[in-house]
């Protein structure tokens, strides 16, 4: 259990590559979400980890 919390603390300390305001980040994410819906299935599978990473960064 202690290891879990240590990893969690380390995870929260990771800083994004670039820092944008939350509003700008959300606007970009909404725009990407709309583009994401228009793509075909193979493109979605390639971009899914990146998309989830950005979404998680907003939630933290």
N, C-alpha and C. Protein backbone atom coordinates (compact mmCIF):
# COMPACT_ATOMS: atom_id res chain seq x y z
N UNK A 1 0.82 -1.19 0.00
CA UNK A 1 0.00 0.00 0.00
C UNK A 1 0.87 1.26 0.00
N UNK A 2 1.97 1.23 0.76
CA UNK A 2 2.85 2.39 0.79
C UNK A 2 3.45 2.69 -0.58
N UNK A 3 3.80 1.64 -1.30
CA UNK A 3 4.36 1.83 -2.64
C UNK A 3 3.37 2.53 -3.55
N UNK A 4 2.12 2.18 -3.40
CA UNK A 4 1.09 2.80 -4.22
C UNK A 4 1.07 4.32 -4.00
N UNK A 5 1.10 4.74 -2.74
CA UNK A 5 1.06 6.17 -2.44
C UNK A 5 2.34 6.88 -2.87
N UNK A 6 3.48 6.20 -2.77
CA UNK A 6 4.73 6.79 -3.25
C UNK A 6 4.66 7.02 -4.75
N UNK A 7 4.16 6.03 -5.47
CA UNK A 7 4.03 6.17 -6.93
C UNK A 7 3.04 7.28 -7.27
N UNK A 8 1.97 7.35 -6.51
CA UNK A 8 0.97 8.38 -6.74
C UNK A 8 1.56 9.77 -6.53
N UNK A 9 2.36 9.94 -5.48
CA UNK A 9 3.00 11.23 -5.23
C UNK A 9 3.96 11.58 -6.36
N UNK A 10 4.72 10.61 -6.82
CA UNK A 10 5.65 10.85 -7.93
C UNK A 10 4.88 11.23 -9.18
N UNK A 11 3.77 10.56 -9.41
CA UNK A 11 2.97 10.84 -10.60
C UNK A 11 2.45 12.27 -10.59
N UNK A 12 2.00 12.74 -9.45
CA UNK A 12 1.46 14.10 -9.37
C UNK A 12 2.54 15.16 -9.52
N UNK A 13 3.80 14.81 -9.24
CA UNK A 13 4.87 15.79 -9.35
C UNK A 13 5.33 15.99 -10.79
N UNK A 14 4.94 15.08 -11.68
CA UNK A 14 5.35 15.20 -13.08
C UNK A 14 4.72 16.46 -13.67
N UNK A 15 5.55 17.29 -14.26
CA UNK A 15 5.04 18.52 -14.85
C UNK A 15 4.85 18.31 -16.35
N UNK A 16 3.86 18.95 -16.92
CA UNK A 16 3.64 18.81 -18.36
C UNK A 16 4.79 19.43 -19.15
N UNK A 17 4.93 19.04 -20.40
CA UNK A 17 5.98 19.57 -21.26
C UNK A 17 5.82 21.08 -21.46
N UNK A 18 4.62 21.51 -21.55
CA UNK A 18 4.35 22.93 -21.67
C UNK A 18 3.15 23.25 -20.79
N UNK A 19 3.11 24.44 -20.29
CA UNK A 19 2.03 24.82 -19.38
C UNK A 19 1.17 25.88 -20.07
N UNK A 20 -0.08 25.56 -20.22
CA UNK A 20 -1.04 26.51 -20.79
C UNK A 20 -2.07 26.85 -19.71
N UNK A 21 -2.77 27.91 -19.94
CA UNK A 21 -3.85 28.20 -19.01
C UNK A 21 -4.90 27.10 -19.14
N UNK A 22 -5.63 26.87 -18.09
CA UNK A 22 -6.66 25.81 -18.11
C UNK A 22 -7.70 26.08 -19.20
N UNK A 23 -8.08 27.34 -19.37
CA UNK A 23 -9.08 27.66 -20.38
C UNK A 23 -8.58 27.31 -21.78
N UNK A 24 -7.34 27.69 -22.06
CA UNK A 24 -6.75 27.41 -23.37
C UNK A 24 -6.62 25.90 -23.57
N UNK A 25 -6.19 25.21 -22.55
CA UNK A 25 -6.04 23.76 -22.62
C UNK A 25 -7.40 23.10 -22.88
N UNK A 26 -8.43 23.56 -22.21
CA UNK A 26 -9.78 23.00 -22.40
C UNK A 26 -10.29 23.29 -23.80
N UNK A 27 -10.07 24.51 -24.29
CA UNK A 27 -10.50 24.86 -25.64
C UNK A 27 -9.82 23.96 -26.67
N UNK A 28 -8.52 23.76 -26.50
CA UNK A 28 -7.78 22.90 -27.42
C UNK A 28 -8.28 21.47 -27.35
N UNK A 29 -8.57 21.02 -26.16
CA UNK A 29 -9.05 19.65 -25.97
C UNK A 29 -10.43 19.47 -26.62
N UNK A 30 -11.29 20.47 -26.50
CA UNK A 30 -12.61 20.40 -27.12
C UNK A 30 -12.46 20.36 -28.64
N UNK A 31 -11.58 21.20 -29.17
CA UNK A 31 -11.36 21.20 -30.61
C UNK A 31 -10.81 19.86 -31.08
N UNK A 32 -9.86 19.31 -30.34
CA UNK A 32 -9.31 18.01 -30.70
C UNK A 32 -10.36 16.92 -30.58
N UNK A 33 -11.25 17.04 -29.61
CA UNK A 33 -12.32 16.05 -29.45
C UNK A 33 -13.23 16.05 -30.67
N UNK A 34 -13.53 17.23 -31.17
CA UNK A 34 -14.37 17.32 -32.37
C UNK A 34 -13.65 16.72 -33.57
N UNK A 35 -12.35 16.99 -33.70
CA UNK A 35 -11.57 16.39 -34.79
C UNK A 35 -11.46 14.88 -34.59
N UNK A 36 -11.34 14.49 -33.35
CA UNK A 36 -11.20 13.07 -32.98
C UNK A 36 -12.42 12.28 -33.44
N UNK A 37 -13.58 12.87 -33.33
CA UNK A 37 -14.82 12.19 -33.75
C UNK A 37 -14.88 12.00 -35.26
N UNK A 38 -14.23 12.88 -36.00
CA UNK A 38 -14.28 12.82 -37.46
C UNK A 38 -13.28 11.83 -38.06
N UNK A 39 -12.33 11.37 -37.28
CA UNK A 39 -11.29 10.49 -37.81
C UNK A 39 -11.78 9.06 -37.92
N UNK A 40 -11.08 8.29 -38.75
CA UNK A 40 -11.46 6.88 -38.86
C UNK A 40 -10.88 6.09 -37.69
N UNK A 41 -11.30 4.86 -37.57
CA UNK A 41 -10.99 4.05 -36.39
C UNK A 41 -9.49 3.80 -36.20
N UNK A 42 -8.75 3.57 -37.27
CA UNK A 42 -7.31 3.29 -37.14
C UNK A 42 -6.55 4.51 -36.60
N UNK A 43 -6.95 5.69 -37.03
CA UNK A 43 -6.31 6.91 -36.51
C UNK A 43 -6.63 7.10 -35.03
N UNK A 44 -7.82 6.74 -34.63
CA UNK A 44 -8.20 6.88 -33.22
C UNK A 44 -7.33 6.00 -32.33
N UNK A 45 -7.06 4.80 -32.76
CA UNK A 45 -6.23 3.90 -31.96
C UNK A 45 -4.82 4.44 -31.79
N UNK A 46 -4.29 5.09 -32.81
CA UNK A 46 -2.93 5.67 -32.71
C UNK A 46 -2.90 6.84 -31.74
N UNK A 47 -3.92 7.66 -31.77
CA UNK A 47 -3.92 8.90 -30.98
C UNK A 47 -4.54 8.77 -29.60
N UNK A 48 -5.11 7.64 -29.30
CA UNK A 48 -5.82 7.48 -28.03
C UNK A 48 -4.94 7.71 -26.81
N UNK A 49 -3.71 7.15 -26.72
CA UNK A 49 -2.90 7.38 -25.52
C UNK A 49 -2.59 8.87 -25.29
N UNK A 50 -2.31 9.59 -26.37
CA UNK A 50 -2.02 11.01 -26.25
C UNK A 50 -3.25 11.77 -25.74
N UNK A 51 -4.39 11.44 -26.31
CA UNK A 51 -5.63 12.10 -25.93
C UNK A 51 -5.95 11.85 -24.46
N UNK A 52 -5.81 10.62 -24.02
CA UNK A 52 -6.09 10.26 -22.62
C UNK A 52 -5.10 10.94 -21.69
N UNK A 53 -3.85 11.05 -22.11
CA UNK A 53 -2.83 11.72 -21.29
C UNK A 53 -3.20 13.19 -21.06
N UNK A 54 -3.64 13.86 -22.11
CA UNK A 54 -4.04 15.27 -21.97
C UNK A 54 -5.27 15.41 -21.09
N UNK A 55 -6.21 14.50 -21.25
CA UNK A 55 -7.41 14.55 -20.43
C UNK A 55 -7.08 14.33 -18.96
N UNK A 56 -6.21 13.39 -18.68
CA UNK A 56 -5.80 13.12 -17.30
C UNK A 56 -5.09 14.32 -16.69
N UNK A 57 -4.29 15.00 -17.49
CA UNK A 57 -3.56 16.16 -16.97
C UNK A 57 -4.54 17.25 -16.54
N UNK A 58 -5.64 17.39 -17.25
CA UNK A 58 -6.64 18.38 -16.86
C UNK A 58 -7.37 17.99 -15.59
N UNK A 59 -7.53 16.71 -15.38
CA UNK A 59 -8.27 16.24 -14.21
C UNK A 59 -7.46 16.29 -12.93
N UNK A 60 -6.14 16.29 -13.04
CA UNK A 60 -5.29 16.28 -11.84
C UNK A 60 -5.25 17.66 -11.22
